[in-house]
Protein backbone atom coordinates (compact mmCIF):
# COMPACT_ATOMS: atom_id res chain seq x y z
CA MET A 1 -32.26 36.90 14.75
CA ASP A 2 -33.73 39.86 16.24
CA ARG A 3 -30.89 39.91 18.99
CA VAL A 4 -28.48 39.68 16.50
CA ARG A 5 -30.15 42.10 14.35
CA ARG A 6 -29.82 45.16 17.17
CA ALA A 7 -26.32 43.67 18.21
CA LEU A 8 -25.40 44.09 14.16
CA ALA A 9 -26.79 47.69 13.90
CA LYS A 10 -25.14 48.82 17.04
CA VAL A 11 -22.04 47.96 15.83
CA THR A 12 -22.32 49.49 12.65
CA GLY A 13 -24.25 52.32 14.05
CA GLN A 14 -22.22 54.00 16.54
CA ALA A 15 -18.89 54.00 17.74
CA LEU A 16 -18.89 52.59 21.23
CA GLY A 17 -17.26 53.22 24.21
CA PRO A 18 -16.10 56.98 23.83
CA TYR A 19 -15.22 57.22 27.52
CA GLN A 20 -13.30 54.58 27.34
CA SER A 21 -11.63 55.43 24.13
CA ALA A 22 -10.99 58.63 25.69
CA VAL A 23 -9.19 58.02 29.15
CA VAL A 24 -7.27 54.98 27.04
CA ARG A 25 -6.31 58.22 24.15
CA ILE A 26 -5.06 60.30 27.71
CA GLY A 27 -3.26 58.03 29.53
CA PHE A 28 -1.01 56.46 26.55
CA ALA A 29 -0.21 60.07 25.02
CA GLY A 30 0.64 61.86 28.77
CA THR A 31 2.57 58.61 29.41
CA TRP A 32 4.98 59.41 26.47
CA LEU A 33 4.50 62.98 27.10
CA PHE A 34 6.10 62.41 30.48
CA PHE A 35 8.85 59.87 29.28
CA LEU A 36 9.93 62.01 26.39
CA LEU A 37 9.94 64.90 29.13
CA ARG A 38 12.00 63.23 31.58
CA GLU A 39 13.99 61.96 29.31
CA PHE A 40 15.31 65.15 27.52
CA PRO A 41 18.41 65.56 28.93
CA ASN A 42 19.29 61.65 28.18
CA ARG A 43 17.34 61.35 24.49
CA HIS A 44 20.68 61.62 22.30
CA GLN A 45 22.38 58.35 24.68
CA LEU A 46 18.72 56.63 24.03
CA TYR A 47 17.55 57.17 20.99
CA GLY A 48 20.78 59.13 19.22
CA PRO A 49 23.83 59.70 17.96
CA ASP A 50 25.41 58.77 20.90
CA GLY A 51 23.36 55.83 22.36
CA PRO A 52 25.33 52.22 22.69
CA TRP A 53 22.61 50.88 19.90
CA SER A 54 24.90 52.26 16.55
CA TRP A 55 23.76 53.63 13.39
CA GLY A 56 24.54 50.93 11.69
CA LEU A 57 23.22 48.22 14.36
CA ALA A 58 20.41 50.14 13.77
CA GLU A 59 20.21 49.98 10.20
CA ARG A 60 20.89 46.42 9.93
CA LEU A 61 18.02 45.50 12.40
CA VAL A 62 15.38 47.37 10.47
CA ALA A 63 17.22 45.93 7.48
CA SER A 64 15.77 42.72 8.99
CA ASN A 65 12.66 42.45 10.49
CA ASP A 66 11.05 45.50 7.92
CA ALA A 67 10.98 47.78 11.36
CA PHE A 68 9.19 51.31 10.45
CA THR A 69 11.53 54.48 11.87
CA VAL A 70 12.09 57.93 10.31
CA LEU A 71 15.16 58.48 12.38
CA LEU A 72 17.14 56.40 9.81
CA TRP A 73 16.11 58.93 7.38
CA SER A 74 18.90 61.02 8.41
CA SER A 75 21.67 61.09 10.37
CA SER A 76 22.30 64.20 10.92
CA ALA A 77 21.57 65.58 14.58
CA PHE A 78 19.06 68.12 13.31
CA TRP A 79 16.60 65.55 12.07
CA PHE A 80 16.79 63.86 15.07
CA GLU A 81 16.00 66.63 17.06
CA LEU A 82 12.79 67.60 14.91
CA VAL A 83 11.44 64.29 15.16
CA TYR A 84 11.95 64.08 19.08
CA ALA A 85 10.21 67.43 18.94
CA VAL A 86 7.40 66.43 16.58
CA ALA A 87 6.74 63.36 19.06
CA LEU A 88 6.50 65.74 21.77
CA LEU A 89 4.00 68.08 20.37
CA ALA A 90 2.36 64.76 18.96
CA SER A 91 1.91 63.80 22.33
CA ALA A 92 0.89 66.68 23.64
CA LEU A 93 -1.89 67.86 20.73
CA LEU A 94 -3.42 64.16 21.60
CA VAL A 95 -3.45 64.63 24.94
CA LEU A 96 -5.62 67.77 24.68
CA GLY A 97 -7.61 66.00 21.55
CA TRP A 98 -7.16 68.89 18.54
CA ARG A 99 -7.50 67.07 15.14
CA THR A 100 -7.13 63.61 16.20
CA ARG A 101 -7.51 61.46 13.50
CA ALA A 102 -4.37 63.42 12.33
CA THR A 103 -2.50 63.60 15.40
CA SER A 104 -2.82 60.36 16.45
CA VAL A 105 -0.94 59.20 13.00
CA VAL A 106 1.64 61.58 14.30
CA PHE A 107 1.69 60.04 17.45
CA MET A 108 2.51 56.51 16.70
CA VAL A 109 5.18 57.28 14.09
CA GLY A 110 7.04 59.70 17.05
CA VAL A 111 6.51 56.36 19.07
CA LEU A 112 7.45 53.75 16.60
CA SER A 113 10.31 55.66 14.97
CA LEU A 114 12.37 56.07 18.24
CA GLN A 115 11.60 53.32 20.08
CA ASN A 116 12.32 50.91 16.67
CA ARG A 117 16.07 53.30 16.81
CA SER A 118 17.12 51.74 19.90
CA VAL A 119 14.94 48.59 20.27
CA PHE A 120 17.10 47.40 23.69
CA MET A 121 16.20 50.40 25.40
CA GLY A 122 12.74 49.58 26.73
CA ASP A 123 10.88 47.59 29.10
CA GLY A 124 7.10 46.17 29.23
CA GLY A 125 5.64 49.67 29.43
CA ASP A 126 7.11 50.87 26.36
CA ASN A 127 6.11 47.52 24.41
CA VAL A 128 2.23 48.02 25.75
CA ILE A 129 2.65 51.85 24.52
CA HIS A 130 4.20 50.55 20.63
CA LEU A 131 1.19 48.53 20.46
CA MET A 132 -1.52 51.05 21.58
CA ALA A 133 -0.23 53.52 19.49
CA VAL A 134 -1.51 51.43 16.83
CA TYR A 135 -4.28 50.55 18.12
CA LEU A 136 -4.99 54.49 19.12
CA VAL A 137 -5.27 55.30 15.03
CA LEU A 138 -8.39 52.37 14.50
CA THR A 139 -10.48 54.76 16.88
CA ARG A 140 -12.74 57.62 17.14
CA CYS A 141 -11.21 58.51 20.43
CA ALA A 142 -12.14 62.16 20.49
CA GLN A 143 -15.60 61.95 20.50
CA VAL A 144 -15.97 63.41 24.16
CA TRP A 145 -12.90 65.04 26.64
CA SER A 146 -11.44 66.52 23.25
CA LEU A 147 -10.88 69.97 21.77
CA ASP A 148 -12.80 68.28 18.80
CA ALA A 149 -15.49 67.55 20.57
CA ARG A 150 -15.62 71.18 22.17
CA ARG A 151 -15.45 72.49 18.30
CA GLY A 152 -17.83 71.01 17.41
CA ARG A 153 -20.32 71.99 20.01
CA ARG A 154 -19.28 75.68 19.04
CA ARG A 155 -19.23 75.37 15.41
CA GLY A 156 -21.33 72.82 14.53
CA SER A 157 -18.34 70.33 13.04
CA ALA A 158 -15.46 69.06 14.87
CA SER A 159 -13.70 69.55 11.57
CA ALA A 160 -14.23 73.33 11.28
CA GLY A 161 -11.21 75.51 9.97
CA ALA A 162 -8.44 75.41 8.20
CA GLY A 163 -6.21 73.56 10.33
CA GLY A 164 -7.16 70.20 9.76
CA PRO A 165 -6.72 70.32 6.08
CA VAL A 166 -3.28 72.08 6.04
CA LEU A 167 -2.33 69.27 8.57
CA TRP A 168 -3.13 66.31 6.28
CA GLY A 169 -1.63 68.26 3.35
CA VAL A 170 2.11 68.86 5.40
CA LEU A 171 1.69 64.85 5.95
CA GLY A 172 0.59 63.98 2.67
CA ALA A 173 4.02 65.78 1.70
CA VAL A 174 5.70 63.88 3.90
CA LEU A 175 4.25 60.85 2.32
CA ALA A 176 5.08 61.53 -0.87
CA TYR A 177 8.52 63.02 -0.50
CA GLY A 178 9.08 59.40 1.45
CA ALA A 179 7.33 57.42 -1.57
CA VAL A 180 9.56 59.13 -3.83
CA THR A 181 12.89 58.78 -2.34
CA GLY A 182 12.08 55.19 -1.40
CA ARG A 183 11.90 55.78 2.76
CA PHE A 184 8.60 53.21 3.04
CA GLY A 185 8.57 49.44 2.53
CA ALA A 186 5.86 48.03 0.23
CA GLY A 187 3.56 47.71 3.54
CA TRP A 188 4.06 50.67 5.08
CA LEU A 189 3.68 52.95 2.26
CA ALA A 190 -0.06 51.00 1.39
CA ALA A 191 -0.54 51.74 5.65
CA PHE A 192 0.09 55.37 5.55
CA ALA A 193 -1.29 56.06 2.24
CA ALA A 194 -4.88 54.75 3.32
CA LEU A 195 -4.19 56.87 6.40
CA TRP A 196 -4.41 59.62 4.68
CA ALA A 197 -6.81 58.75 1.86
CA GLY A 198 -9.06 57.69 4.22
CA PRO A 199 -9.75 61.02 5.76
CA ALA A 200 -9.18 63.04 2.47
CA LEU A 201 -12.08 60.58 1.02
CA TRP A 202 -14.54 61.13 4.01
CA TRP A 203 -13.83 65.01 3.75
CA ALA A 204 -14.96 65.39 -0.36
CA ALA A 205 -17.75 63.19 0.68
CA ASP A 206 -19.26 65.65 4.00
CA ARG A 207 -18.42 68.07 1.49
CA HIS A 208 -20.38 67.35 -1.72
CA GLU A 209 -23.30 65.55 0.70
CA ARG A 210 -24.81 68.75 2.55
CA SER A 211 -27.59 66.62 3.29
CA GLY A 212 -26.07 64.28 5.63
CA ALA A 213 -25.52 63.98 8.66
CA GLY A 214 -23.27 66.65 9.16
CA PRO A 215 -19.75 68.07 7.90
CA ALA A 216 -16.77 65.50 9.76
CA GLY A 217 -13.62 66.51 7.31
CA ALA A 218 -10.22 65.69 7.90
CA ASP A 219 -10.96 64.41 11.61
CA GLY A 220 -13.46 62.02 10.61
CA GLU A 221 -15.54 62.46 14.16
CA PRO A 222 -19.41 63.13 13.08
CA ALA A 223 -20.76 66.88 13.81
CA VAL A 224 -22.34 67.62 17.44
CA ALA A 225 -24.17 70.58 18.73
CA ASP A 226 -25.24 70.40 22.13
CA GLY A 227 -23.12 67.16 22.72
CA GLU A 228 -25.12 65.31 20.36
CA PRO A 229 -24.71 64.17 16.95
CA VAL A 230 -26.35 66.43 14.79
CA ALA A 231 -29.14 64.06 13.31
CA GLY A 232 -30.05 64.22 9.40
CA ARG A 233 -30.35 61.85 6.34
CA ALA A 234 -27.06 60.91 5.31
CA GLY A 235 -25.68 60.55 1.81
CA GLU A 236 -24.75 56.99 0.63
CA GLY A 237 -21.31 57.81 -0.11
CA ARG A 238 -21.22 59.59 3.52
CA ALA A 239 -23.25 56.59 5.54
CA PHE A 240 -21.02 54.07 3.83
CA LEU A 241 -18.07 55.64 5.62
CA ASP A 242 -19.50 56.43 8.99
CA VAL A 243 -20.33 52.59 8.56
CA LEU A 244 -16.52 51.56 8.22
CA ALA A 245 -15.38 54.13 11.08
CA ASN A 246 -18.17 53.00 13.84
CA LEU A 247 -17.05 49.25 12.87
CA LEU A 248 -12.76 50.39 12.94
CA HIS A 249 -14.09 52.15 16.11
CA ASN A 250 -15.36 48.91 17.61
CA ALA A 251 -12.85 46.58 16.31
CA GLY A 252 -9.74 48.64 17.83
CA MET A 253 -11.78 48.68 20.83
CA LEU A 254 -11.76 44.84 21.34
CA VAL A 255 -8.15 44.31 19.92
CA ILE A 256 -7.63 47.10 23.13
CA MET A 257 -9.01 44.58 25.68
CA ALA A 258 -8.50 41.29 24.35
CA GLU A 259 -4.53 42.49 24.04
CA VAL A 260 -5.21 43.56 27.99
CA CYS A 261 -6.73 40.26 28.74
CA LEU A 262 -3.41 38.51 26.52
CA ILE A 263 -1.10 40.73 28.51
CA TYR A 264 -2.22 39.73 32.45
CA ALA A 265 -3.45 36.04 31.32
CA THR A 266 0.27 34.92 30.11
CA ALA A 267 1.76 37.67 32.72
CA GLY A 268 -0.16 34.75 35.30
CA TRP A 269 0.22 31.43 33.51
CA TYR A 270 4.17 32.30 33.54
CA LYS A 271 4.13 32.92 36.77
CA ILE A 272 2.41 29.71 37.81
CA GLN A 273 5.67 27.87 36.33
CA GLY A 274 7.76 29.24 38.40
CA SER A 275 9.22 28.53 41.37
CA ARG A 276 9.59 31.68 43.64
CA TRP A 277 6.01 32.10 43.13
CA GLN A 278 5.07 28.74 44.17
CA ASP A 279 6.52 29.70 48.02
CA GLY A 280 5.48 32.89 47.38
CA THR A 281 8.95 34.77 47.77
CA ALA A 282 8.97 36.26 44.68
CA LEU A 283 8.13 39.48 45.54
CA TYR A 284 11.26 39.28 48.19
CA TYR A 285 13.65 39.66 45.95
CA PRO A 286 13.07 42.63 43.72
CA LEU A 287 12.27 44.33 46.81
CA ARG A 288 16.15 43.91 47.93
CA LEU A 289 18.03 44.85 44.87
CA ASP A 290 19.32 48.52 45.24
CA TYR A 291 18.41 49.43 42.00
CA PHE A 292 14.60 48.99 41.99
CA ALA A 293 14.53 50.66 45.21
CA PRO A 294 13.80 54.19 45.32
CA TRP A 295 12.66 54.59 48.85
CA PRO A 296 14.84 51.92 50.61
CA GLU A 297 13.62 51.97 54.30
CA LEU A 298 10.02 51.10 52.69
CA SER A 299 11.13 48.00 50.79
CA ASP A 300 13.44 46.83 54.11
CA VAL A 301 10.12 46.75 55.69
CA LEU A 302 8.17 44.83 53.43
CA ALA A 303 10.95 42.88 52.77
CA GLY A 304 10.98 41.64 56.35
CA SER A 305 7.57 40.97 56.58
CA GLY A 306 7.36 37.41 55.03
CA VAL A 307 3.70 36.99 55.64
CA LEU A 308 3.28 39.82 53.34
CA VAL A 309 5.56 38.83 50.76
CA MET A 310 3.57 35.86 50.51
CA LEU A 311 0.58 37.30 50.63
CA LEU A 312 1.50 40.03 47.73
CA SER A 313 3.22 37.06 45.43
CA TYR A 314 0.15 34.78 45.41
CA GLY A 315 -2.71 37.86 45.05
CA THR A 316 -0.36 38.89 42.09
CA VAL A 317 -0.77 35.51 40.48
CA ALA A 318 -4.25 35.22 41.60
CA VAL A 319 -5.62 38.71 40.02
CA GLN A 320 -3.98 38.56 36.55
CA VAL A 321 -4.68 34.66 36.01
CA ALA A 322 -8.54 35.26 37.16
CA PHE A 323 -9.21 38.69 35.20
CA PRO A 324 -9.68 37.52 31.66
CA PHE A 325 -12.59 35.12 33.10
CA THR A 326 -14.10 38.10 35.41
CA LEU A 327 -15.06 40.39 32.32
CA PHE A 328 -18.83 38.69 32.09
CA ASN A 329 -19.34 39.73 35.74
CA ARG A 330 -19.68 43.44 36.18
CA ARG A 331 -18.57 43.44 39.87
CA VAL A 332 -16.34 41.00 40.50
CA LYS A 333 -14.52 42.53 36.81
CA ASN A 334 -14.64 45.94 39.02
CA VAL A 335 -13.36 44.55 41.69
CA LEU A 336 -10.47 42.92 40.47
CA LEU A 337 -9.94 45.91 38.06
CA ALA A 338 -9.39 48.23 41.37
CA LEU A 339 -7.16 45.97 42.92
CA MET A 340 -4.71 45.70 39.76
CA MET A 341 -4.60 49.39 39.53
CA LEU A 342 -3.48 49.63 42.95
CA GLU A 343 -0.85 47.23 42.09
CA HIS A 344 0.31 49.11 39.49
CA ALA A 345 0.22 51.96 41.40
CA GLY A 346 2.72 50.08 44.29
CA ILE A 347 5.08 49.14 41.41
CA ALA A 348 5.63 53.04 40.61
CA VAL A 349 6.00 53.82 44.02
CA LEU A 350 8.13 50.70 45.67
CA LEU A 351 9.89 49.57 42.74
CA GLY A 352 10.25 52.81 40.79
CA LEU A 353 8.24 52.08 37.39
CA PRO A 354 6.44 54.99 37.08
CA PHE A 355 6.05 54.95 33.09
CA PHE A 356 5.56 51.08 32.95
CA SER A 357 2.59 51.36 35.02
CA MET A 358 1.17 54.44 34.30
CA ALA A 359 0.88 52.30 30.57
CA MET A 360 -0.53 49.23 32.12
CA ILE A 361 -2.92 51.62 34.43
CA ALA A 362 -4.02 53.35 30.88
CA ALA A 363 -4.60 50.06 29.35
CA ASP A 364 -6.68 48.98 32.76
CA ALA A 365 -8.94 51.75 32.02
CA VAL A 366 -10.51 50.94 28.63
CA PHE A 367 -12.79 48.40 31.20
CA LEU A 368 -14.15 51.15 33.72
CA PRO A 369 -17.85 51.54 33.58
CA THR A 370 -19.16 54.42 31.76
CA GLY A 371 -21.14 55.56 34.80
CA PHE A 372 -17.72 55.61 37.08
CA LEU A 373 -16.47 57.59 33.89
CA VAL A 374 -19.06 59.92 33.61
CA TRP A 375 -18.61 60.66 36.84
CA ALA A 376 -14.90 61.96 37.22
CA GLY A 377 -15.67 63.90 34.32
CA ALA A 378 -18.23 65.57 35.88
CA ARG A 379 -16.17 66.23 38.88
CA VAL A 380 -13.08 67.22 37.09
CA SER A 381 -15.65 69.79 34.67
CA ARG A 382 -16.94 71.37 38.21
CA PHE A 383 -13.69 72.00 39.61
CA SER A 384 -11.95 73.45 36.38
CA ARG A 385 -14.96 75.60 36.10
CA ARG A 386 -14.21 79.50 36.73
CA PRO A 387 -17.03 81.99 37.90
CA SER A 388 -17.47 84.74 35.56
CA PRO A 389 -15.92 87.84 36.22
CA GLY A 390 -17.62 90.90 37.64
CA PRO A 391 -19.00 93.71 36.43
CA LEU A 392 -16.14 96.53 35.56
CA THR A 393 -15.69 99.02 37.36
CA GLY A 394 -12.47 102.22 36.47
CA PRO A 395 -12.55 104.03 34.26
CA GLY A 396 -13.85 103.70 30.69
CA ALA A 397 -16.28 100.94 32.72
CA GLY A 398 -19.74 103.24 31.67
CA PRO A 399 -21.80 104.74 34.07
CA SER A 400 -22.93 103.04 37.21
CA PRO A 401 -26.78 101.43 37.06
CA GLY A 402 -27.28 102.26 40.67
CA PRO A 403 -28.38 100.89 43.52
CA ARG A 404 -31.29 98.06 43.33
CA THR A 405 -34.64 98.95 44.79
CA PRO A 406 -35.56 95.16 46.13
CA GLY A 407 -38.97 94.35 45.58
CA PRO A 408 -41.03 91.20 45.79
CA ARG A 409 -39.38 88.03 45.39
CA THR A 410 -41.52 86.21 42.80
CA PRO A 411 -40.91 82.10 42.75
CA GLY A 412 -39.40 80.60 38.88
CA PRO A 413 -37.81 77.83 37.70
CA ARG A 414 -34.31 76.84 38.83
CA THR A 415 -32.17 76.53 36.60
CA PRO A 416 -30.09 73.16 36.28
CA ALA A 417 -26.33 73.94 36.85
CA GLY A 418 -25.14 72.22 33.94
CA PRO A 419 -25.81 69.92 31.11
CA GLU A 420 -26.42 65.99 32.61
CA PRO A 421 -25.10 63.01 30.54
CA VAL A 422 -28.47 60.72 29.04
CA GLU A 423 -28.28 57.47 27.87
CA ARG A 424 -29.32 56.48 25.08
CA ASP A 425 -29.24 52.72 23.52
CA GLY A 426 -26.95 52.34 26.14
CA ALA A 427 -24.56 54.33 25.39
CA VAL A 428 -23.80 57.97 27.30
CA GLY A 429 -24.51 60.82 25.07
CA ALA A 430 -21.66 62.84 24.45
CA GLY A 431 -23.06 65.87 26.18
CA GLY A 432 -22.12 64.74 29.67
CA ALA A 433 -19.80 66.71 32.25
CA GLY A 434 -16.29 67.37 31.00
CA SER A 435 -16.44 66.85 26.91
């Protein structure tokens, strides 16, 4: 009973996996951003008025399956360009972690709008991004490695400044326009209204209960100081909203992990039923297709080795089928996770599918160990840290202090190179490297 009580307190008391959620956020937003940039010259053929999937066909399909896309609000070229530009901007801001509660919603709207406009233009990677864009809205994915976390450390609140209220005011105006003009279906209207009203309620509760755990306005992130949440006694309303946000975050992370396991399990078991995978020759055929051969010489070398093709075919099936069953064994899980990421990197190089591979690697990152992510973040932070500038010289710099007279050296305490992550109650503190 005590174990159940401790588990319940942990699930409701903190947003688990802060580093994993940050990696997933950066990975999927970055993948979509690079895809939109690469396809910018072809955007009209993919999702715009020049595409093979016409406006009338898109309208009929959306009316039949209740999919959401703002591109069908208007057929003007200006509206399409505006939506595409907003999707690009939202992806970049989500990578940086700026006003993440709002930008994650705009990111989801951009993904759904473009993909649902031309449903036959995507592949498996686009389907994964489609799903993860919805799940990310539920998570508190800006606890570390984000501009929100940086603002919280420097100014005492992740929501400091007027950017959050202004952004939510603009989104509220768009929501009101869509509701008045009937652009939303009943389900989508309720969902977007809840996404807009939730942070507004949080902001109001935070301002009303100043004795709480610190401001966490429109972005829904807790106030932090020196990398740690500000301690204090929250009021009842603020505490309830905090528990609800933690539950939604942890549920979203659980759904993301279950989705990844489901993808690999179904892929592996369907492969087992195929005769080409059973005889170990399945990978030979895509390697011989010109469409999937960005490096023909390398593809010819691999396809020419029957033993290598057989090992890669059987290994792919074995890793995909076994992975969901290894989650309770950390060492085996980490080995298979590394193999799957290498597999996707190979797909990106050999078959010319970089964005599919980037999306799958970003999904796999939800299972990366916290220690490894903290270590990687520390290395990136130290690499990107710039040395402080030297004293000013030249006109206007002031009088020179003159040469210093050397004196006896006295030992003193060594200044640490930087804050190290501290593990508390099984969770690594947000004051670690790279936050």
